[in-house]
N, C-alpha and C. Protein backbone atom coordinates (compact mmCIF):
# COMPACT_ATOMS: atom_id res chain seq x y z
N UNK A 1 -123.22 140.57 -186.50
CA UNK A 1 -123.86 139.42 -186.94
C UNK A 1 -125.62 139.76 -187.02
N UNK A 2 -126.15 139.70 -187.84
CA UNK A 2 -127.71 140.14 -187.89
C UNK A 2 -128.19 139.02 -187.32
N UNK A 3 -129.56 139.36 -187.15
CA UNK A 3 -130.38 138.30 -186.33
C UNK A 3 -130.93 137.48 -187.43
N UNK A 4 -130.81 137.82 -188.54
CA UNK A 4 -131.35 136.55 -189.39
C UNK A 4 -130.56 135.33 -189.64
N UNK A 5 -129.05 135.92 -189.28
CA UNK A 5 -128.10 134.88 -189.41
C UNK A 5 -128.15 134.02 -187.92
N UNK A 6 -128.35 134.48 -187.08
CA UNK A 6 -128.42 133.98 -185.84
C UNK A 6 -129.44 132.95 -185.93
N UNK A 7 -130.79 133.39 -186.40
CA UNK A 7 -131.93 132.33 -186.43
C UNK A 7 -131.49 131.30 -187.43
N UNK A 8 -130.88 131.37 -188.36
CA UNK A 8 -130.19 130.31 -189.16
C UNK A 8 -129.42 129.19 -188.67
N UNK A 9 -129.14 129.61 -187.42
CA UNK A 9 -127.86 128.44 -186.53
C UNK A 9 -126.71 128.97 -186.41
N UNK A 10 -126.43 130.05 -187.11
CA UNK A 10 -124.91 130.57 -187.06
C UNK A 10 -124.67 131.29 -185.55
N UNK A 11 -123.90 130.47 -184.75
CA UNK A 11 -123.55 130.84 -183.71
C UNK A 11 -122.28 131.87 -183.05
N UNK A 12 -122.44 133.32 -183.04
CA UNK A 12 -121.10 133.93 -182.81
C UNK A 12 -120.13 133.29 -181.59
N UNK A 13 -120.72 132.47 -180.52
CA UNK A 13 -119.97 132.10 -179.56
C UNK A 13 -119.17 130.99 -179.97
N UNK A 14 -119.43 130.31 -181.37
CA UNK A 14 -118.83 128.91 -181.59
C UNK A 14 -117.57 129.73 -182.30
N UNK A 15 -117.39 130.87 -182.61
CA UNK A 15 -116.11 131.23 -182.85
C UNK A 15 -115.11 132.41 -181.76
N UNK A 16 -115.73 132.26 -180.71
CA UNK A 16 -114.95 133.07 -179.76
C UNK A 16 -114.89 132.70 -178.33
N UNK A 17 -114.84 131.09 -178.38
CA UNK A 17 -114.49 130.27 -177.11
C UNK A 17 -113.27 129.86 -177.03
N UNK A 18 -112.86 128.84 -176.28
CA UNK A 18 -111.59 128.20 -176.25
C UNK A 18 -110.91 128.07 -177.13
N UNK A 19 -111.39 127.53 -178.11
CA UNK A 19 -110.46 127.18 -179.42
C UNK A 19 -109.64 128.41 -180.05
N UNK A 20 -110.32 129.29 -180.48
CA UNK A 20 -109.81 130.83 -180.82
C UNK A 20 -108.94 131.27 -179.88
N UNK A 21 -109.45 131.38 -178.66
CA UNK A 21 -108.43 132.04 -177.91
C UNK A 21 -106.98 131.37 -177.45
N UNK A 22 -107.28 129.94 -177.60
CA UNK A 22 -106.17 129.27 -177.28
C UNK A 22 -105.29 129.23 -178.51
N UNK A 23 -105.64 129.20 -179.39
CA UNK A 23 -105.02 129.42 -180.67
C UNK A 23 -104.27 130.89 -180.72
N UNK A 24 -105.00 131.92 -180.45
CA UNK A 24 -104.37 133.18 -180.20
C UNK A 24 -103.20 133.56 -179.15
N UNK A 25 -103.43 132.66 -178.12
CA UNK A 25 -102.40 132.72 -176.98
C UNK A 25 -101.53 131.92 -177.41
N UNK A 26 -101.20 130.80 -178.17
CA UNK A 26 -100.14 129.90 -178.34
C UNK A 26 -99.45 130.92 -179.69
N UNK A 27 -100.18 131.34 -180.38
CA UNK A 27 -99.41 132.17 -181.36
C UNK A 27 -98.68 133.29 -180.81
N UNK A 28 -99.17 133.94 -179.82
CA UNK A 28 -98.20 134.93 -179.20
C UNK A 28 -97.17 134.42 -178.69
N UNK A 29 -97.31 133.24 -177.70
CA UNK A 29 -96.40 132.62 -177.27
C UNK A 29 -95.23 132.47 -178.34
N UNK A 30 -95.46 131.44 -179.29
CA UNK A 30 -94.86 130.76 -180.31
C UNK A 30 -93.99 132.19 -180.84
N UNK A 31 -94.56 133.39 -181.27
CA UNK A 31 -93.82 134.62 -181.77
C UNK A 31 -92.55 135.03 -180.51
N UNK A 32 -93.11 134.76 -179.45
CA UNK A 32 -91.99 135.48 -178.59
C UNK A 32 -91.19 134.47 -178.23
N UNK A 33 -91.57 132.99 -178.67
CA UNK A 33 -90.21 132.00 -178.36
C UNK A 33 -89.35 132.33 -179.55
N UNK A 34 -89.80 132.55 -180.52
CA UNK A 34 -89.03 132.29 -181.82
C UNK A 34 -88.18 133.70 -181.85
N UNK A 35 -88.80 134.73 -181.17
CA UNK A 35 -87.99 136.09 -181.15
C UNK A 35 -86.65 135.80 -180.14
N UNK A 36 -87.29 135.60 -178.82
CA UNK A 36 -86.55 135.63 -177.70
C UNK A 36 -85.82 134.65 -177.03
N UNK A 37 -85.90 133.13 -177.57
CA UNK A 37 -85.73 132.13 -176.90
C UNK A 37 -84.71 131.57 -178.20
N UNK A 38 -85.27 131.03 -178.96
CA UNK A 38 -84.29 130.17 -180.11
C UNK A 38 -85.44 129.59 -180.98
N UNK A 39 -84.80 129.74 -182.20
CA UNK A 39 -85.49 129.61 -183.74
C UNK A 39 -85.61 128.10 -183.93
N UNK A 40 -84.46 127.37 -183.18
CA UNK A 40 -84.79 125.90 -183.85
C UNK A 40 -85.04 124.94 -182.69
N UNK A 41 -85.13 125.43 -181.49
CA UNK A 41 -85.38 124.46 -180.36
C UNK A 41 -87.19 125.07 -180.08
N UNK A 42 -87.94 123.92 -180.03
CA UNK A 42 -89.53 124.29 -179.92
C UNK A 42 -89.58 124.27 -178.26
N UNK A 43 -90.76 124.73 -177.72
CA UNK A 43 -91.12 124.38 -176.24
C UNK A 43 -91.09 123.39 -175.79
N UNK A 44 -91.75 122.10 -176.35
CA UNK A 44 -91.79 121.13 -176.01
C UNK A 44 -90.27 120.19 -175.90
N UNK A 45 -89.48 120.64 -176.78
CA UNK A 45 -88.06 120.00 -176.69
C UNK A 45 -87.30 120.51 -175.48
N UNK A 46 -87.56 122.00 -175.40
CA UNK A 46 -86.97 122.21 -174.05
C UNK A 46 -87.59 121.66 -172.99
N UNK A 47 -88.66 121.64 -172.86
CA UNK A 47 -89.50 120.88 -171.62
C UNK A 47 -88.50 119.47 -171.76
N UNK A 48 -88.26 118.97 -172.62
CA UNK A 48 -87.90 117.42 -172.32
C UNK A 48 -86.20 117.44 -172.15
N UNK A 49 -85.66 118.62 -172.49
CA UNK A 49 -84.00 118.93 -172.27
C UNK A 49 -84.14 119.26 -170.68
N UNK A 50 -85.25 120.01 -170.08
CA UNK A 50 -85.17 120.26 -168.90
C UNK A 50 -85.24 119.34 -167.92
N UNK A 51 -86.48 118.31 -168.38
CA UNK A 51 -86.83 117.35 -167.41
C UNK A 51 -85.51 116.59 -167.20
N UNK A 52 -85.07 116.36 -168.36
CA UNK A 52 -83.93 115.27 -168.46
C UNK A 52 -82.98 115.79 -167.42
N UNK A 53 -82.33 117.13 -167.45
CA UNK A 53 -81.60 117.77 -166.77
C UNK A 53 -81.67 117.74 -165.01
N UNK A 54 -83.02 117.98 -164.98
CA UNK A 54 -83.55 117.99 -163.43
C UNK A 54 -83.22 116.64 -162.70
N UNK A 55 -83.73 115.37 -163.62
CA UNK A 55 -84.22 114.31 -163.36
C UNK A 55 -83.44 113.17 -163.52
N UNK A 56 -82.59 113.23 -164.70
CA UNK A 56 -81.65 112.47 -165.13
C UNK A 56 -82.33 111.35 -166.10
N UNK A 57 -81.77 110.56 -166.51
CA UNK A 57 -82.18 109.55 -167.43
C UNK A 57 -83.32 109.11 -167.10
N UNK A 58 -84.30 108.83 -168.42
CA UNK A 58 -85.67 108.10 -167.78
C UNK A 58 -85.69 107.27 -169.36
N UNK A 59 -86.96 106.54 -169.18
CA UNK A 59 -87.39 105.93 -170.35
C UNK A 59 -88.10 106.95 -171.05
N UNK A 60 -88.53 106.51 -172.23
CA UNK A 60 -88.97 107.49 -173.36
C UNK A 60 -90.54 107.55 -172.83
N UNK A 61 -91.02 106.59 -172.28
CA UNK A 61 -92.82 106.65 -171.94
C UNK A 61 -92.77 107.69 -170.82
N UNK A 62 -91.81 107.41 -169.55
CA UNK A 62 -91.87 108.28 -168.57
C UNK A 62 -91.69 109.51 -168.55
N UNK A 63 -90.58 109.82 -169.89
CA UNK A 63 -90.43 111.04 -170.10
C UNK A 63 -91.62 111.88 -170.99
N UNK A 64 -92.21 111.33 -171.89
CA UNK A 64 -93.25 111.69 -172.51
C UNK A 64 -94.59 112.07 -171.62
N UNK A 65 -94.87 111.21 -170.62
CA UNK A 65 -95.82 111.56 -169.74
C UNK A 65 -95.54 112.81 -168.87
N UNK A 66 -94.16 112.82 -168.20
CA UNK A 66 -94.05 114.00 -167.65
C UNK A 66 -93.80 115.17 -168.48
N UNK A 67 -93.88 115.15 -169.83
CA UNK A 67 -93.79 116.21 -170.43
C UNK A 67 -95.02 116.76 -171.12
N UNK A 68 -95.87 116.13 -170.80
CA UNK A 68 -97.34 115.84 -171.35
C UNK A 68 -97.52 115.82 -173.05
N UNK A 69 -96.65 114.72 -173.49
CA UNK A 69 -96.71 114.70 -174.73
C UNK A 69 -97.64 113.43 -175.08
N UNK A 70 -98.12 113.34 -176.27
CA UNK A 70 -98.91 112.00 -176.59
C UNK A 70 -97.65 110.90 -177.23
N UNK A 71 -98.06 109.63 -177.24
CA UNK A 71 -97.07 108.73 -177.83
C UNK A 71 -96.49 109.35 -179.23
N UNK A 72 -97.53 109.53 -180.03
CA UNK A 72 -96.98 109.80 -181.47
C UNK A 72 -96.30 110.97 -181.54
N UNK A 73 -96.22 112.20 -180.68
CA UNK A 73 -95.29 113.05 -180.72
C UNK A 73 -93.59 112.91 -180.10
N UNK A 74 -93.51 111.87 -179.06
CA UNK A 74 -92.43 111.87 -178.44
C UNK A 74 -91.36 111.22 -179.15
N UNK A 75 -91.50 110.24 -179.93
CA UNK A 75 -90.67 109.43 -180.60
C UNK A 75 -89.95 110.48 -181.74
N UNK A 76 -90.52 111.15 -182.32
CA UNK A 76 -89.98 112.17 -183.68
C UNK A 76 -89.40 113.28 -182.52
N UNK A 77 -90.02 113.68 -181.72
CA UNK A 77 -89.34 114.74 -180.85
C UNK A 77 -88.05 114.33 -180.32
N UNK A 78 -88.00 113.26 -179.97
CA UNK A 78 -86.75 112.67 -179.42
C UNK A 78 -85.32 112.70 -180.58
N UNK A 79 -86.29 112.21 -181.65
CA UNK A 79 -85.21 111.57 -182.70
C UNK A 79 -84.65 112.86 -183.24
N UNK A 80 -85.27 114.19 -183.19
CA UNK A 80 -84.67 115.18 -183.61
C UNK A 80 -83.67 115.67 -182.84
N UNK A 81 -84.08 115.54 -181.28
CA UNK A 81 -83.00 116.11 -180.65
C UNK A 81 -81.70 115.41 -180.34
N UNK A 82 -81.96 113.73 -180.64
CA UNK A 82 -81.10 113.07 -181.10
C UNK A 82 -79.85 113.32 -182.18
N UNK A 83 -80.56 113.88 -183.30
CA UNK A 83 -79.72 114.23 -184.62
C UNK A 83 -79.20 115.57 -184.23
N UNK A 84 -79.61 116.31 -183.36
CA UNK A 84 -78.86 117.80 -182.87
C UNK A 84 -77.83 117.24 -181.68
N UNK A 85 -77.79 116.09 -181.38
CA UNK A 85 -76.69 115.84 -180.53
C UNK A 85 -76.89 116.04 -179.03
N UNK A 86 -78.48 116.22 -178.77
CA UNK A 86 -78.94 116.86 -177.62
C UNK A 86 -79.46 115.75 -176.44
N UNK A 87 -79.75 115.07 -177.25
CA UNK A 87 -79.79 113.49 -176.21
C UNK A 87 -79.24 112.28 -176.93
N UNK A 88 -79.29 111.14 -175.91
CA UNK A 88 -78.80 109.69 -176.93
C UNK A 88 -79.98 109.02 -176.39
N UNK A 89 -80.10 108.03 -177.26
CA UNK A 89 -81.10 106.87 -177.02
C UNK A 89 -80.33 105.95 -176.96
N UNK A 90 -80.84 104.64 -176.04
CA UNK A 90 -80.52 103.49 -175.80
C UNK A 90 -81.52 102.43 -175.63
N UNK A 91 -81.39 101.40 -175.97
CA UNK A 91 -82.22 100.41 -175.69
C UNK A 91 -81.96 99.67 -174.03
N UNK A 92 -83.25 99.78 -173.17
CA UNK A 92 -82.93 99.30 -171.89
C UNK A 92 -82.45 97.75 -172.14
N UNK A 93 -81.42 97.45 -171.25
CA UNK A 93 -80.84 96.00 -171.49
C UNK A 93 -81.88 95.15 -171.11
N UNK A 94 -82.58 95.28 -169.72
CA UNK A 94 -83.38 94.56 -168.86
C UNK A 94 -84.93 94.39 -169.83
N UNK A 95 -85.23 95.31 -170.51
CA UNK A 95 -86.38 95.32 -171.45
C UNK A 95 -86.01 95.74 -172.99
N UNK A 96 -86.17 95.14 -173.83
CA UNK A 96 -85.55 95.67 -175.01
C UNK A 96 -86.54 96.56 -175.71
N UNK A 97 -87.76 96.21 -175.27
CA UNK A 97 -88.68 97.17 -175.97
C UNK A 97 -88.88 98.68 -175.58
N UNK A 98 -87.95 98.85 -174.15
CA UNK A 98 -88.28 100.31 -173.75
C UNK A 98 -86.70 100.89 -174.20
N UNK A 99 -87.10 102.23 -174.31
CA UNK A 99 -85.83 103.13 -174.95
C UNK A 99 -85.56 104.12 -173.54
N UNK A 100 -84.12 104.10 -173.19
CA UNK A 100 -83.71 105.07 -172.24
C UNK A 100 -83.44 106.22 -172.98
N UNK A 101 -83.50 107.57 -172.07
CA UNK A 101 -83.25 108.75 -172.63
C UNK A 101 -81.90 109.18 -171.70
N UNK A 102 -81.22 109.95 -172.44
CA UNK A 102 -80.07 110.62 -171.64
C UNK A 102 -79.85 111.96 -172.17
N UNK A 103 -79.69 113.02 -171.27
CA UNK A 103 -79.28 114.54 -172.14
C UNK A 103 -77.45 114.22 -172.28
N UNK A 104 -77.11 114.72 -173.30
CA UNK A 104 -75.78 115.28 -173.47
C UNK A 104 -75.35 116.43 -172.80
N UNK A 105 -74.20 116.76 -172.78
CA UNK A 105 -73.50 117.73 -172.07
C UNK A 105 -74.09 119.01 -173.05
N UNK A 106 -74.21 118.95 -174.40
CA UNK A 106 -74.68 119.98 -175.20
C UNK A 106 -75.95 120.05 -174.74
N UNK A 107 -76.84 119.24 -174.80
CA UNK A 107 -78.44 119.26 -174.29
C UNK A 107 -78.50 120.15 -172.92
N UNK A 108 -77.66 119.64 -172.02
CA UNK A 108 -77.79 120.32 -170.79
C UNK A 108 -77.14 121.92 -170.92
N UNK A 109 -76.26 122.19 -171.81
CA UNK A 109 -76.03 123.41 -171.76
C UNK A 109 -76.84 124.24 -172.23
N UNK A 110 -77.47 123.79 -173.31
CA UNK A 110 -78.43 124.21 -174.04
C UNK A 110 -79.90 124.79 -173.36
N UNK A 111 -80.31 123.85 -172.42
CA UNK A 111 -81.41 124.17 -171.60
C UNK A 111 -80.95 124.93 -170.44
N UNK A 112 -79.88 125.17 -169.92
CA UNK A 112 -79.47 126.05 -169.07
C UNK A 112 -79.21 127.40 -169.56
N UNK A 113 -78.74 127.43 -170.68
CA UNK A 113 -78.43 128.71 -171.48
C UNK A 113 -79.94 129.61 -171.68
N UNK A 114 -80.87 128.38 -172.14
CA UNK A 114 -82.14 129.28 -172.42
C UNK A 114 -83.18 129.48 -171.54
N UNK A 115 -82.87 128.68 -170.45
CA UNK A 115 -84.01 128.91 -169.06
C UNK A 115 -84.27 130.34 -169.02
N UNK A 116 -83.15 131.29 -168.72
CA UNK A 116 -83.85 132.77 -168.22
C UNK A 116 -84.60 133.37 -169.49
N UNK A 117 -84.26 133.04 -170.74
CA UNK A 117 -85.12 133.70 -171.74
C UNK A 117 -86.37 132.83 -171.84
N UNK A 118 -86.78 131.74 -171.44
CA UNK A 118 -87.87 131.01 -171.18
C UNK A 118 -88.69 131.82 -170.23
N UNK A 119 -88.14 131.89 -169.13
CA UNK A 119 -88.79 132.55 -167.83
C UNK A 119 -89.35 134.08 -168.31
N UNK A 120 -88.49 134.77 -169.24
CA UNK A 120 -88.78 136.16 -169.56
C UNK A 120 -90.27 136.04 -170.33
N UNK A 121 -89.91 134.93 -171.30
CA UNK A 121 -91.12 134.68 -172.21
C UNK A 121 -92.44 134.56 -171.36
N UNK A 122 -92.24 133.86 -170.34
CA UNK A 122 -93.46 133.41 -169.48
C UNK A 122 -93.90 134.86 -168.51
N UNK A 123 -92.80 135.53 -168.26
CA UNK A 123 -93.19 136.89 -167.75
C UNK A 123 -94.18 137.78 -168.59
N UNK A 124 -93.50 138.06 -169.64
CA UNK A 124 -94.09 138.89 -170.74
C UNK A 124 -95.53 138.36 -170.84
N UNK A 125 -95.77 137.23 -171.21
CA UNK A 125 -97.29 136.55 -171.50
C UNK A 125 -98.20 136.86 -170.23
N UNK A 126 -97.46 136.88 -169.16
CA UNK A 126 -98.43 137.05 -167.79
C UNK A 126 -98.79 138.70 -167.59
N UNK A 127 -97.84 139.42 -168.07
CA UNK A 127 -97.61 140.73 -167.72
C UNK A 127 -98.88 141.65 -167.87
N UNK A 128 -99.86 141.27 -168.18
CA UNK A 128 -101.28 141.93 -167.99
C UNK A 128 -101.77 141.77 -166.78
N UNK A 129 -101.37 140.79 -166.01
CA UNK A 129 -102.02 140.36 -164.87
C UNK A 129 -101.35 140.63 -163.42
N UNK A 130 -102.03 140.99 -162.47
CA UNK A 130 -101.37 141.45 -160.97
C UNK A 130 -100.55 139.75 -160.93
N UNK A 131 -100.04 139.74 -159.60
CA UNK A 131 -99.56 138.39 -159.26
C UNK A 131 -100.69 137.43 -158.82
N UNK A 132 -101.78 137.88 -158.29
CA UNK A 132 -103.04 137.09 -157.91
C UNK A 132 -103.58 136.63 -158.92
N UNK A 133 -103.58 137.57 -160.01
CA UNK A 133 -104.35 136.96 -161.21
C UNK A 133 -103.56 135.98 -161.99
N UNK A 134 -102.34 136.24 -162.17
CA UNK A 134 -101.14 135.38 -162.55
C UNK A 134 -101.32 133.85 -162.13
N UNK A 135 -101.38 133.81 -160.89
CA UNK A 135 -101.74 132.61 -160.10
C UNK A 135 -103.23 131.70 -160.62
N UNK A 136 -104.02 132.52 -160.35
CA UNK A 136 -105.31 132.25 -160.81
C UNK A 136 -105.62 131.60 -162.10
N UNK A 137 -105.09 132.47 -163.16
CA UNK A 137 -105.04 132.30 -164.40
C UNK A 137 -104.40 131.20 -164.79
N UNK A 138 -103.01 130.99 -164.33
CA UNK A 138 -102.32 129.32 -164.35
C UNK A 138 -102.95 128.16 -163.60
N UNK A 139 -103.56 128.55 -162.79
CA UNK A 139 -104.61 127.54 -162.03
C UNK A 139 -105.73 126.99 -163.01
N UNK A 140 -106.37 127.82 -163.39
CA UNK A 140 -107.46 127.68 -164.52
C UNK A 140 -107.03 127.16 -165.72
N UNK A 141 -106.06 127.43 -166.37
CA UNK A 141 -105.28 126.91 -167.27
C UNK A 141 -104.95 125.33 -167.10
N UNK A 142 -104.21 125.05 -166.04
CA UNK A 142 -103.96 123.75 -165.70
C UNK A 142 -104.95 123.07 -165.53
N UNK A 143 -106.16 123.25 -164.65
CA UNK A 143 -107.25 122.55 -164.69
C UNK A 143 -108.00 122.29 -165.80
N UNK A 144 -108.14 123.22 -166.90
CA UNK A 144 -108.55 122.71 -168.13
C UNK A 144 -107.75 121.98 -168.96
N UNK A 145 -106.64 122.12 -169.00
CA UNK A 145 -105.56 121.03 -169.56
C UNK A 145 -105.59 119.53 -169.21
N UNK A 146 -105.79 119.38 -167.71
CA UNK A 146 -106.02 118.14 -167.25
C UNK A 146 -107.42 117.70 -167.53
N UNK A 147 -108.29 118.47 -167.87
CA UNK A 147 -109.50 117.80 -168.26
C UNK A 147 -109.33 116.87 -169.89
N UNK A 148 -108.15 117.31 -170.57
CA UNK A 148 -107.63 116.48 -171.53
C UNK A 148 -107.23 115.21 -171.37
N UNK A 149 -106.82 115.10 -170.08
CA UNK A 149 -106.30 113.76 -169.76
C UNK A 149 -107.12 112.70 -169.34
N UNK A 150 -108.64 113.19 -169.18
CA UNK A 150 -109.39 111.99 -168.67
C UNK A 150 -110.05 111.23 -169.61
């Protein structure tokens, strides 16, 4: 980039920061996920199935919070899983405003079957790092992601 452009307010660091790097990392992860995990189930959908498998039935709000999904994402995601027969949705008898979510046998089987491939994708994404660097990198990512929730 020429000095003339920098003097006119064009900043190279504006396109080399967190946003572009996060996008590149997400693109690499999405490509590996598509190739090695599943072409029809997304990462957030897998997270939801795994949470339901591990923790049991729960209401939609709690599930969305645990999966770090915003409210506008949770309902359509659950509807897609319901249409595929991977979860069941029901109104809470005590509070009709709440929806309860239950994983089906098919959803449980899919989550268990895909888990090793998900771990392998994570391992490949972290392969450039030593074990200590992996923990540091993941810790820094968690800390940066938590800032979003404030």
